[in-house]
N, C-alpha and C. Protein backbone atom coordinates (compact mmCIF):
# COMPACT_ATOMS: atom_id res chain seq x y z
N UNK A 1 -84.96 1.04 157.22
CA UNK A 1 -85.67 0.35 158.28
C UNK A 1 -86.39 -0.86 157.68
N UNK A 2 -86.37 -1.93 158.39
CA UNK A 2 -87.04 -3.15 157.95
C UNK A 2 -88.55 -2.93 157.97
N UNK A 3 -89.24 -3.37 156.90
CA UNK A 3 -90.69 -3.22 156.83
C UNK A 3 -91.36 -4.07 157.90
N UNK A 4 -90.79 -5.24 158.17
CA UNK A 4 -91.34 -6.13 159.18
C UNK A 4 -90.90 -5.69 160.56
N UNK A 5 -91.84 -5.76 161.48
CA UNK A 5 -91.52 -5.41 162.87
C UNK A 5 -91.06 -6.67 163.61
N UNK A 6 -90.60 -6.48 164.84
CA UNK A 6 -90.05 -7.60 165.62
C UNK A 6 -91.01 -8.79 165.75
N UNK A 7 -92.30 -8.59 166.00
CA UNK A 7 -93.18 -9.77 166.12
C UNK A 7 -93.22 -10.62 164.83
N UNK A 8 -93.25 -9.93 163.67
CA UNK A 8 -93.25 -10.67 162.41
C UNK A 8 -91.92 -11.38 162.20
N UNK A 9 -90.82 -10.69 162.51
CA UNK A 9 -89.50 -11.31 162.38
C UNK A 9 -89.37 -12.50 163.31
N UNK A 10 -89.95 -12.40 164.50
CA UNK A 10 -89.92 -13.51 165.46
C UNK A 10 -90.64 -14.73 164.87
N UNK A 11 -91.79 -14.52 164.22
CA UNK A 11 -92.53 -15.62 163.60
C UNK A 11 -91.72 -16.27 162.48
N UNK A 12 -91.08 -15.44 161.67
CA UNK A 12 -90.26 -15.98 160.58
C UNK A 12 -89.09 -16.76 161.15
N UNK A 13 -88.47 -16.21 162.20
CA UNK A 13 -87.35 -16.89 162.86
C UNK A 13 -87.79 -18.26 163.36
N UNK A 14 -88.96 -18.30 163.99
CA UNK A 14 -89.48 -19.56 164.52
C UNK A 14 -89.80 -20.54 163.40
N UNK A 15 -90.25 -20.05 162.25
CA UNK A 15 -90.50 -20.94 161.11
C UNK A 15 -89.20 -21.57 160.63
N UNK A 16 -88.13 -20.78 160.66
CA UNK A 16 -86.82 -21.27 160.20
C UNK A 16 -86.20 -22.20 161.23
N UNK A 17 -86.45 -21.92 162.50
CA UNK A 17 -85.80 -22.64 163.60
C UNK A 17 -86.50 -23.98 163.83
N UNK A 18 -86.05 -24.99 163.13
CA UNK A 18 -86.69 -26.29 163.22
C UNK A 18 -86.20 -27.13 164.38
N UNK A 19 -84.97 -26.93 164.82
CA UNK A 19 -84.44 -27.79 165.89
C UNK A 19 -84.57 -27.17 167.28
N UNK A 20 -85.21 -26.00 167.39
CA UNK A 20 -85.55 -25.36 168.67
C UNK A 20 -84.34 -25.11 169.59
N UNK A 21 -83.22 -24.68 169.04
CA UNK A 21 -82.05 -24.39 169.86
C UNK A 21 -81.79 -22.88 169.99
N UNK A 22 -82.72 -22.05 169.52
CA UNK A 22 -82.55 -20.61 169.63
C UNK A 22 -81.69 -20.02 168.54
N UNK A 23 -81.38 -20.81 167.53
CA UNK A 23 -80.60 -20.35 166.39
C UNK A 23 -81.20 -20.95 165.13
N UNK A 24 -80.96 -20.28 164.01
CA UNK A 24 -81.36 -20.85 162.72
C UNK A 24 -80.11 -21.08 161.90
N UNK A 25 -80.15 -22.12 161.11
CA UNK A 25 -79.00 -22.41 160.25
C UNK A 25 -79.21 -21.71 158.91
N UNK A 26 -78.12 -21.54 158.20
CA UNK A 26 -78.16 -20.94 156.88
C UNK A 26 -79.06 -21.78 155.97
N UNK A 27 -78.98 -23.11 156.10
CA UNK A 27 -79.81 -23.99 155.27
C UNK A 27 -81.29 -23.78 155.56
N UNK A 28 -81.64 -23.60 156.83
CA UNK A 28 -83.04 -23.36 157.18
C UNK A 28 -83.54 -22.04 156.58
N UNK A 29 -82.71 -21.02 156.62
CA UNK A 29 -83.08 -19.72 156.03
C UNK A 29 -83.24 -19.88 154.52
N UNK A 30 -82.34 -20.62 153.90
CA UNK A 30 -82.42 -20.84 152.45
C UNK A 30 -83.72 -21.53 152.06
N UNK A 31 -84.15 -22.50 152.86
CA UNK A 31 -85.42 -23.20 152.58
C UNK A 31 -86.60 -22.24 152.62
N UNK A 32 -86.64 -21.41 153.65
CA UNK A 32 -87.75 -20.45 153.78
C UNK A 32 -87.70 -19.43 152.64
N UNK A 33 -86.51 -18.94 152.33
CA UNK A 33 -86.38 -17.98 151.22
C UNK A 33 -86.80 -18.62 149.90
N UNK A 34 -86.46 -19.89 149.71
CA UNK A 34 -86.82 -20.60 148.49
C UNK A 34 -88.34 -20.68 148.35
N UNK A 35 -89.04 -20.97 149.45
CA UNK A 35 -90.50 -21.02 149.44
C UNK A 35 -91.09 -19.66 149.08
N UNK A 36 -90.36 -18.60 149.40
CA UNK A 36 -90.82 -17.24 149.08
C UNK A 36 -90.40 -16.82 147.68
N UNK A 37 -89.73 -17.73 146.95
CA UNK A 37 -89.34 -17.43 145.58
C UNK A 37 -87.97 -16.77 145.45
N UNK A 38 -87.20 -16.77 146.53
CA UNK A 38 -85.86 -16.19 146.53
C UNK A 38 -84.86 -17.32 146.59
N UNK A 39 -84.16 -17.53 145.49
CA UNK A 39 -83.20 -18.62 145.44
C UNK A 39 -81.80 -18.10 145.73
N UNK A 40 -81.21 -18.66 146.77
CA UNK A 40 -79.84 -18.33 147.14
C UNK A 40 -79.21 -19.61 147.68
N UNK A 41 -77.97 -19.84 147.29
CA UNK A 41 -77.28 -21.04 147.76
C UNK A 41 -76.81 -20.83 149.20
N UNK A 42 -76.68 -21.92 149.92
CA UNK A 42 -76.24 -21.87 151.31
C UNK A 42 -74.87 -21.24 151.47
N UNK A 43 -73.93 -21.57 150.56
CA UNK A 43 -72.59 -21.00 150.68
C UNK A 43 -72.59 -19.50 150.42
N UNK A 44 -73.49 -19.04 149.53
CA UNK A 44 -73.60 -17.60 149.28
C UNK A 44 -74.14 -16.88 150.52
N UNK A 45 -75.18 -17.46 151.10
CA UNK A 45 -75.78 -16.86 152.29
C UNK A 45 -74.80 -16.88 153.46
N UNK A 46 -74.06 -17.97 153.60
CA UNK A 46 -73.07 -18.06 154.68
C UNK A 46 -72.02 -16.97 154.51
N UNK A 47 -71.60 -16.70 153.27
CA UNK A 47 -70.62 -15.64 153.02
C UNK A 47 -71.18 -14.28 153.39
N UNK A 48 -72.48 -14.09 153.17
CA UNK A 48 -73.12 -12.81 153.49
C UNK A 48 -73.23 -12.61 154.99
N UNK A 49 -73.70 -13.64 155.71
CA UNK A 49 -73.92 -13.49 157.15
C UNK A 49 -72.69 -13.80 157.97
N UNK A 50 -71.73 -14.49 157.37
CA UNK A 50 -70.47 -14.77 158.06
C UNK A 50 -70.54 -15.87 159.10
N UNK A 51 -71.55 -16.72 159.02
CA UNK A 51 -71.71 -17.77 160.02
C UNK A 51 -72.65 -18.86 159.49
N UNK A 52 -72.54 -20.04 160.11
CA UNK A 52 -73.43 -21.16 159.77
C UNK A 52 -74.79 -21.00 160.44
N UNK A 53 -74.80 -20.36 161.62
CA UNK A 53 -76.02 -20.25 162.42
C UNK A 53 -76.20 -18.82 162.90
N UNK A 54 -77.44 -18.41 163.05
CA UNK A 54 -77.75 -17.05 163.50
C UNK A 54 -78.70 -17.13 164.68
N UNK A 55 -78.40 -16.35 165.73
CA UNK A 55 -79.38 -16.22 166.79
C UNK A 55 -80.40 -15.15 166.36
N UNK A 56 -81.42 -14.91 167.16
CA UNK A 56 -82.49 -14.01 166.76
C UNK A 56 -81.97 -12.60 166.49
N UNK A 57 -81.08 -12.09 167.32
CA UNK A 57 -80.56 -10.73 167.16
C UNK A 57 -79.82 -10.58 165.82
N UNK A 58 -78.96 -11.54 165.50
CA UNK A 58 -78.22 -11.50 164.23
C UNK A 58 -79.19 -11.67 163.06
N UNK A 59 -80.21 -12.51 163.22
CA UNK A 59 -81.23 -12.71 162.20
C UNK A 59 -81.95 -11.39 161.90
N UNK A 60 -82.31 -10.65 162.94
CA UNK A 60 -82.99 -9.35 162.77
C UNK A 60 -82.06 -8.38 162.04
N UNK A 61 -80.79 -8.34 162.43
CA UNK A 61 -79.83 -7.47 161.75
C UNK A 61 -79.71 -7.84 160.28
N UNK A 62 -79.67 -9.12 159.99
CA UNK A 62 -79.60 -9.61 158.62
C UNK A 62 -80.82 -9.14 157.82
N UNK A 63 -82.01 -9.30 158.37
CA UNK A 63 -83.24 -8.89 157.69
C UNK A 63 -83.25 -7.39 157.44
N UNK A 64 -82.82 -6.64 158.42
CA UNK A 64 -82.79 -5.17 158.26
C UNK A 64 -81.75 -4.74 157.23
N UNK A 65 -80.64 -5.46 157.16
CA UNK A 65 -79.62 -5.10 156.16
C UNK A 65 -80.15 -5.37 154.75
N UNK A 66 -80.93 -6.45 154.60
CA UNK A 66 -81.54 -6.74 153.30
C UNK A 66 -82.50 -5.62 152.92
N UNK A 67 -83.33 -5.18 153.87
CA UNK A 67 -84.28 -4.10 153.60
C UNK A 67 -83.55 -2.81 153.23
N UNK A 68 -82.45 -2.50 153.91
CA UNK A 68 -81.67 -1.30 153.61
C UNK A 68 -81.07 -1.39 152.21
N UNK A 69 -80.57 -2.56 151.85
CA UNK A 69 -79.99 -2.76 150.53
C UNK A 69 -81.05 -2.57 149.45
N UNK A 70 -82.24 -3.12 149.67
CA UNK A 70 -83.31 -2.98 148.69
C UNK A 70 -83.73 -1.52 148.56
N UNK A 71 -83.79 -0.79 149.67
CA UNK A 71 -84.15 0.62 149.62
C UNK A 71 -83.09 1.40 148.86
N UNK A 72 -81.82 1.10 149.09
CA UNK A 72 -80.73 1.76 148.39
C UNK A 72 -80.81 1.47 146.89
N UNK A 73 -81.09 0.22 146.53
CA UNK A 73 -81.24 -0.12 145.11
C UNK A 73 -82.36 0.68 144.48
N UNK A 74 -83.48 0.80 145.20
CA UNK A 74 -84.62 1.57 144.69
C UNK A 74 -84.22 3.03 144.49
N UNK A 75 -83.49 3.61 145.45
CA UNK A 75 -83.07 5.00 145.33
C UNK A 75 -82.13 5.19 144.15
N UNK A 76 -81.24 4.23 143.91
CA UNK A 76 -80.31 4.32 142.78
C UNK A 76 -81.08 4.25 141.46
N UNK A 77 -82.02 3.31 141.36
CA UNK A 77 -82.81 3.17 140.14
C UNK A 77 -83.62 4.44 139.90
N UNK A 78 -84.22 5.00 140.95
CA UNK A 78 -84.99 6.23 140.82
C UNK A 78 -84.10 7.37 140.35
N UNK A 79 -82.91 7.48 140.91
CA UNK A 79 -81.97 8.53 140.49
C UNK A 79 -81.54 8.33 139.04
N UNK A 80 -81.31 7.08 138.63
CA UNK A 80 -80.94 6.81 137.25
C UNK A 80 -82.07 7.18 136.29
N UNK A 81 -83.31 6.86 136.66
CA UNK A 81 -84.46 7.23 135.84
C UNK A 81 -84.56 8.74 135.70
N UNK A 82 -84.37 9.44 136.80
CA UNK A 82 -84.43 10.89 136.79
C UNK A 82 -83.33 11.47 135.89
N UNK A 83 -82.14 10.91 135.98
CA UNK A 83 -81.02 11.36 135.15
C UNK A 83 -81.35 11.17 133.66
N UNK A 84 -81.92 10.03 133.30
CA UNK A 84 -82.30 9.77 131.90
C UNK A 84 -83.36 10.76 131.43
N UNK A 85 -84.34 11.02 132.27
CA UNK A 85 -85.39 11.98 131.92
C UNK A 85 -84.80 13.37 131.69
N UNK A 86 -83.87 13.76 132.56
CA UNK A 86 -83.25 15.07 132.41
C UNK A 86 -82.41 15.14 131.14
N UNK A 87 -81.71 14.05 130.80
CA UNK A 87 -80.92 14.04 129.55
C UNK A 87 -81.83 14.17 128.33
N UNK A 88 -82.97 13.49 128.37
CA UNK A 88 -83.92 13.61 127.26
C UNK A 88 -84.42 15.04 127.13
N UNK A 89 -84.78 15.66 128.25
CA UNK A 89 -85.25 17.05 128.24
C UNK A 89 -84.15 17.98 127.74
N UNK A 90 -82.92 17.76 128.20
CA UNK A 90 -81.79 18.58 127.76
C UNK A 90 -81.64 18.48 126.24
N UNK A 91 -81.73 17.27 125.72
CA UNK A 91 -81.56 17.05 124.29
C UNK A 91 -82.65 17.73 123.45
N UNK A 92 -83.84 17.90 124.01
CA UNK A 92 -84.90 18.63 123.31
C UNK A 92 -84.45 20.07 123.06
N UNK A 93 -83.82 20.68 124.05
CA UNK A 93 -83.39 22.08 123.94
C UNK A 93 -82.06 22.24 123.23
N UNK A 94 -81.20 21.24 123.27
CA UNK A 94 -79.89 21.32 122.64
C UNK A 94 -80.03 20.99 121.15
N UNK A 95 -80.60 21.92 120.41
CA UNK A 95 -80.94 21.69 119.01
C UNK A 95 -79.72 21.36 118.16
N UNK A 96 -78.61 22.08 118.35
CA UNK A 96 -77.43 21.86 117.51
C UNK A 96 -76.51 20.76 118.03
N UNK A 97 -76.91 20.11 119.13
CA UNK A 97 -76.18 18.97 119.71
C UNK A 97 -74.73 19.29 120.05
N UNK A 98 -74.51 20.53 120.52
CA UNK A 98 -73.15 20.91 120.90
C UNK A 98 -72.89 20.71 122.39
N UNK A 99 -73.90 20.20 123.11
CA UNK A 99 -73.74 19.96 124.54
C UNK A 99 -74.08 21.16 125.41
N UNK A 100 -74.68 22.18 124.80
CA UNK A 100 -75.05 23.39 125.53
C UNK A 100 -76.43 23.87 125.08
N UNK A 101 -77.10 24.60 125.96
CA UNK A 101 -78.38 25.21 125.62
C UNK A 101 -78.19 26.72 125.68
N UNK A 102 -78.48 27.37 124.55
CA UNK A 102 -78.39 28.83 124.48
C UNK A 102 -79.80 29.42 124.61
N UNK A 103 -79.87 30.73 124.83
CA UNK A 103 -81.18 31.38 124.91
C UNK A 103 -81.90 31.29 123.56
N UNK A 104 -81.14 31.29 122.46
CA UNK A 104 -81.74 31.15 121.13
C UNK A 104 -82.40 29.78 120.98
N UNK A 105 -81.75 28.74 121.49
CA UNK A 105 -82.33 27.39 121.41
C UNK A 105 -83.59 27.30 122.26
N UNK A 106 -83.57 27.93 123.42
CA UNK A 106 -84.77 27.94 124.28
C UNK A 106 -85.91 28.60 123.51
N UNK A 107 -85.61 29.73 122.89
CA UNK A 107 -86.63 30.45 122.13
C UNK A 107 -87.22 29.58 121.02
N UNK A 108 -86.37 28.91 120.23
CA UNK A 108 -86.83 28.08 119.12
C UNK A 108 -87.74 26.95 119.60
N UNK A 109 -87.32 26.28 120.68
CA UNK A 109 -88.12 25.16 121.20
C UNK A 109 -89.46 25.66 121.72
N UNK A 110 -89.44 26.75 122.45
CA UNK A 110 -90.69 27.28 123.01
C UNK A 110 -91.62 27.80 121.91
N UNK A 111 -91.07 28.36 120.83
CA UNK A 111 -91.89 28.75 119.68
C UNK A 111 -92.58 27.52 119.10
N UNK A 112 -91.81 26.44 118.91
CA UNK A 112 -92.38 25.20 118.35
C UNK A 112 -93.50 24.65 119.23
N UNK A 113 -93.33 24.79 120.53
CA UNK A 113 -94.32 24.26 121.47
C UNK A 113 -95.48 25.22 121.70
N UNK A 114 -95.39 26.42 121.10
CA UNK A 114 -96.44 27.42 121.27
C UNK A 114 -96.41 28.09 122.63
N UNK A 115 -95.25 28.09 123.27
CA UNK A 115 -95.13 28.65 124.62
C UNK A 115 -94.34 29.97 124.65
N UNK A 116 -93.98 30.49 123.50
CA UNK A 116 -93.15 31.69 123.48
C UNK A 116 -93.98 32.96 123.60
N UNK A 117 -95.24 32.92 123.19
CA UNK A 117 -96.08 34.11 123.12
C UNK A 117 -96.08 34.88 124.43
N UNK A 118 -95.84 36.17 124.33
CA UNK A 118 -95.84 37.03 125.49
C UNK A 118 -94.52 37.06 126.24
N UNK A 119 -93.53 36.35 125.77
CA UNK A 119 -92.23 36.31 126.44
C UNK A 119 -91.24 37.16 125.65
N UNK A 120 -90.28 37.66 126.33
CA UNK A 120 -89.20 38.41 125.72
C UNK A 120 -87.93 37.57 125.80
N UNK A 121 -87.04 37.73 124.84
CA UNK A 121 -85.77 36.99 124.85
C UNK A 121 -85.02 37.26 126.15
N UNK A 122 -85.15 38.45 126.69
CA UNK A 122 -84.47 38.80 127.94
C UNK A 122 -84.92 37.91 129.10
N UNK A 123 -86.19 37.46 129.08
CA UNK A 123 -86.68 36.55 130.13
C UNK A 123 -85.86 35.27 130.16
N UNK A 124 -85.59 34.71 129.00
CA UNK A 124 -84.86 33.45 128.91
C UNK A 124 -83.38 33.65 129.17
N UNK A 125 -82.86 34.81 128.74
CA UNK A 125 -81.45 35.10 129.03
C UNK A 125 -81.24 35.21 130.53
N UNK A 126 -82.18 35.86 131.24
CA UNK A 126 -82.08 35.97 132.70
C UNK A 126 -82.16 34.60 133.36
N UNK A 127 -83.05 33.75 132.85
CA UNK A 127 -83.18 32.40 133.41
C UNK A 127 -81.86 31.64 133.23
N UNK A 128 -81.29 31.73 132.05
CA UNK A 128 -80.03 31.03 131.80
C UNK A 128 -78.93 31.62 132.67
N UNK A 129 -78.86 32.94 132.78
CA UNK A 129 -77.84 33.58 133.61
C UNK A 129 -77.94 33.14 135.07
N UNK A 130 -79.15 32.93 135.53
CA UNK A 130 -79.37 32.54 136.93
C UNK A 130 -78.70 31.20 137.26
N UNK A 131 -78.64 30.30 136.28
CA UNK A 131 -78.10 28.96 136.51
C UNK A 131 -76.78 28.72 135.79
N UNK A 132 -76.29 29.71 135.07
CA UNK A 132 -75.04 29.61 134.32
C UNK A 132 -73.87 29.81 135.26
N UNK A 133 -73.38 28.73 135.84
CA UNK A 133 -72.34 28.80 136.88
C UNK A 133 -70.99 29.27 136.35
N UNK A 134 -70.65 28.91 135.10
CA UNK A 134 -69.34 29.31 134.57
C UNK A 134 -69.42 30.59 133.73
N UNK A 135 -70.61 31.19 133.69
CA UNK A 135 -70.84 32.49 133.05
C UNK A 135 -70.44 32.53 131.57
N UNK A 136 -70.73 31.43 130.84
CA UNK A 136 -70.43 31.41 129.42
C UNK A 136 -71.65 31.74 128.56
N UNK A 137 -72.77 32.08 129.20
CA UNK A 137 -73.96 32.48 128.48
C UNK A 137 -74.84 31.35 127.99
N UNK A 138 -74.55 30.14 128.40
CA UNK A 138 -75.33 28.97 128.00
C UNK A 138 -75.25 27.94 129.11
N UNK A 139 -76.13 26.95 129.03
CA UNK A 139 -76.19 25.91 130.07
C UNK A 139 -75.62 24.61 129.54
N UNK A 140 -74.69 24.02 130.30
CA UNK A 140 -74.27 22.65 130.00
C UNK A 140 -75.24 21.73 130.74
N UNK A 141 -75.05 20.41 130.61
CA UNK A 141 -76.01 19.49 131.21
C UNK A 141 -76.10 19.65 132.72
N UNK A 142 -74.97 19.78 133.41
CA UNK A 142 -75.00 19.90 134.87
C UNK A 142 -75.74 21.16 135.30
N UNK A 143 -75.51 22.26 134.60
CA UNK A 143 -76.21 23.51 134.94
C UNK A 143 -77.71 23.35 134.67
N UNK A 144 -78.06 22.69 133.56
CA UNK A 144 -79.46 22.43 133.25
C UNK A 144 -80.10 21.56 134.33
N UNK A 145 -79.37 20.53 134.74
CA UNK A 145 -79.86 19.64 135.80
C UNK A 145 -80.08 20.42 137.09
N UNK A 146 -79.12 21.27 137.45
CA UNK A 146 -79.28 22.10 138.65
C UNK A 146 -80.49 23.00 138.54
N UNK A 147 -80.72 23.55 137.35
CA UNK A 147 -81.88 24.41 137.14
C UNK A 147 -83.17 23.61 137.32
N UNK A 148 -83.23 22.45 136.69
CA UNK A 148 -84.44 21.64 136.75
C UNK A 148 -84.71 21.14 138.17
N UNK A 149 -83.66 20.89 138.92
CA UNK A 149 -83.81 20.42 140.30
C UNK A 149 -83.75 21.58 141.28
N UNK A 150 -83.64 22.79 140.75
CA UNK A 150 -83.57 24.02 141.53
C UNK A 150 -82.43 24.04 142.53
N UNK A 151 -81.27 23.60 142.07
CA UNK A 151 -80.08 23.59 142.91
C UNK A 151 -79.17 24.75 142.54
N UNK A 152 -78.42 25.21 143.50
CA UNK A 152 -77.40 26.23 143.28
C UNK A 152 -77.95 27.46 142.58
N UNK A 153 -79.22 27.77 142.80
CA UNK A 153 -79.80 28.95 142.16
C UNK A 153 -79.20 30.20 142.78
N UNK A 154 -78.72 31.08 141.91
CA UNK A 154 -78.19 32.35 142.38
C UNK A 154 -79.34 33.32 142.62
N UNK A 155 -79.22 34.14 143.58
CA UNK A 155 -80.24 35.13 143.86
C UNK A 155 -80.10 36.26 142.86
N UNK A 156 -81.19 36.59 142.14
CA UNK A 156 -81.14 37.66 141.13
C UNK A 156 -81.15 39.01 141.79
């Protein structure tokens, strides 16, 4: 959804619409965008909107499509950041760098962190079994990711 509502978009449209014909030209939009610090060439913008001139309705659709694209970019960047964080966490537990986390590796890392006290190896084996989709007794990255995001958890 576009952050700007129709009244704000109407004001922007009117700022762009210099010749008062109910349409704005690509060049007029480029000038306003340039003042806002967004540099785009007229031919690039024309290719995006598919026309030399836009009426108010098409202008609103254009603005909303930009907002949707920016939101999608933000979601992709956030997902990429999350993926990197999960890979770093996985690598902390994957001591032997074989691409898997075993219950022994969990135990070693938790001992180092001082978090093992009061736990039994069976606790960690059960945790791994809960998310071990291929039943090989260890977690690969996807299984670890599912565990961390609490996806595909089997009912114990």
